[in-house]
Protein backbone atom coordinates (compact mmCIF):
# COMPACT_ATOMS: atom_id res chain seq x y z
CA UNK A 1 0.18 -37.69 18.60
CA UNK A 2 1.57 -35.10 16.21
CA UNK A 3 1.11 -31.45 17.23
CA UNK A 4 1.18 -28.43 14.98
CA UNK A 5 4.15 -26.39 16.20
CA UNK A 6 3.69 -23.51 13.75
CA UNK A 7 4.35 -20.08 15.23
CA UNK A 8 4.95 -16.60 13.84
CA UNK A 9 8.67 -16.71 14.65
CA UNK A 10 9.04 -20.14 13.02
CA UNK A 11 8.89 -18.48 9.60
CA UNK A 12 11.74 -16.54 8.12
CA UNK A 13 10.81 -13.20 6.48
CA UNK A 14 12.14 -14.64 3.21
CA UNK A 15 9.44 -17.31 3.39
CA UNK A 16 6.52 -14.88 3.75
CA UNK A 17 4.74 -13.73 0.61
CA UNK A 18 1.52 -11.92 -0.25
CA UNK A 19 -0.74 -12.86 -3.14
CA UNK A 20 -2.99 -10.65 -5.27
CA UNK A 21 -6.03 -12.86 -5.84
CA UNK A 22 -8.84 -12.29 -8.35
CA UNK A 23 -12.11 -12.90 -6.48
CA UNK A 24 -14.07 -14.09 -9.51
CA UNK A 25 -12.08 -17.30 -9.96
CA UNK A 26 -9.66 -17.14 -7.01
CA UNK A 27 -6.70 -17.09 -9.39
CA UNK A 28 -3.40 -15.77 -8.00
CA UNK A 29 -2.51 -12.86 -10.27
CA UNK A 30 0.78 -11.87 -8.66
CA UNK A 31 2.88 -12.76 -5.61
CA UNK A 32 5.36 -10.50 -3.85
CA UNK A 33 7.58 -10.86 -0.76
CA UNK A 34 6.42 -9.49 2.60
CA UNK A 35 9.72 -7.66 2.95
CA UNK A 36 9.92 -4.24 1.30
CA UNK A 37 7.44 -1.61 0.12
CA UNK A 38 5.27 -2.02 -2.96
CA UNK A 39 2.77 0.11 -4.86
CA UNK A 40 -0.28 -1.84 -6.01
CA UNK A 41 -2.62 -0.01 -8.38
CA UNK A 42 -5.30 -0.68 -10.96
CA UNK A 43 -5.80 1.12 -14.27
CA UNK A 44 -8.64 0.12 -16.63
CA UNK A 45 -9.11 -3.15 -14.75
CA UNK A 46 -5.46 -4.20 -14.99
CA UNK A 47 -3.69 -4.64 -11.65
CA UNK A 48 -0.04 -3.63 -11.55
CA UNK A 49 2.55 -3.82 -8.80
CA UNK A 50 6.02 -2.40 -8.48
CA UNK A 51 8.53 -1.93 -5.66
CA UNK A 52 8.83 1.59 -4.26
CA UNK A 53 12.25 3.18 -4.40
CA UNK A 54 13.85 4.27 -1.12
CA UNK A 55 13.24 7.98 -1.83
CA UNK A 56 9.62 7.54 -2.98
CA UNK A 57 6.68 8.45 -0.75
CA UNK A 58 2.96 8.04 -1.40
CA UNK A 59 0.66 10.85 -0.31
CA UNK A 60 -3.10 11.12 -0.21
CA UNK A 61 -4.53 14.64 -0.20
CA UNK A 62 -5.12 14.39 3.57
CA UNK A 63 -1.59 13.10 4.11
CA UNK A 64 -0.16 15.96 2.07
CA UNK A 65 -2.15 18.53 4.07
CA UNK A 66 -0.86 17.08 7.36
CA UNK A 67 2.67 17.12 5.98
CA UNK A 68 2.33 20.76 4.92
CA UNK A 69 1.05 21.70 8.40
CA UNK A 70 4.04 19.97 10.01
CA UNK A 71 6.32 22.02 7.77
CA UNK A 72 4.70 25.19 9.11
CA UNK A 73 2.32 26.03 6.28
CA UNK A 74 -1.14 27.27 7.15
CA UNK A 75 -3.76 25.39 5.17
CA UNK A 76 -6.99 27.33 4.62
CA UNK A 77 -10.13 25.80 3.12
CA UNK A 78 -11.53 27.38 -0.05
CA UNK A 79 -14.03 30.19 0.22
CA UNK A 80 -17.76 29.50 0.02
CA UNK A 81 -17.89 32.11 -2.74
CA UNK A 82 -16.78 30.50 -5.99
CA UNK A 83 -16.58 32.75 -9.02
CA UNK A 84 -17.28 30.90 -12.23
């Protein structure tokens, strides 16, 4: 009897890849290695992917606010009174 001896440590990191798959027809649009950091984004329906440089960071607004607080800035919400 043949047993499946596949385990997580049986694979080398060089062998692990991720695929960007289009749901409509299940076509693989792009593949990239599991190692490293990548930015995946979509503009006008076109999916693009590129590796992030070592010095690049991605911030959401919430992430930026937390970062500013850690640096010692006081973040205050806008006033309820908005002059237009």
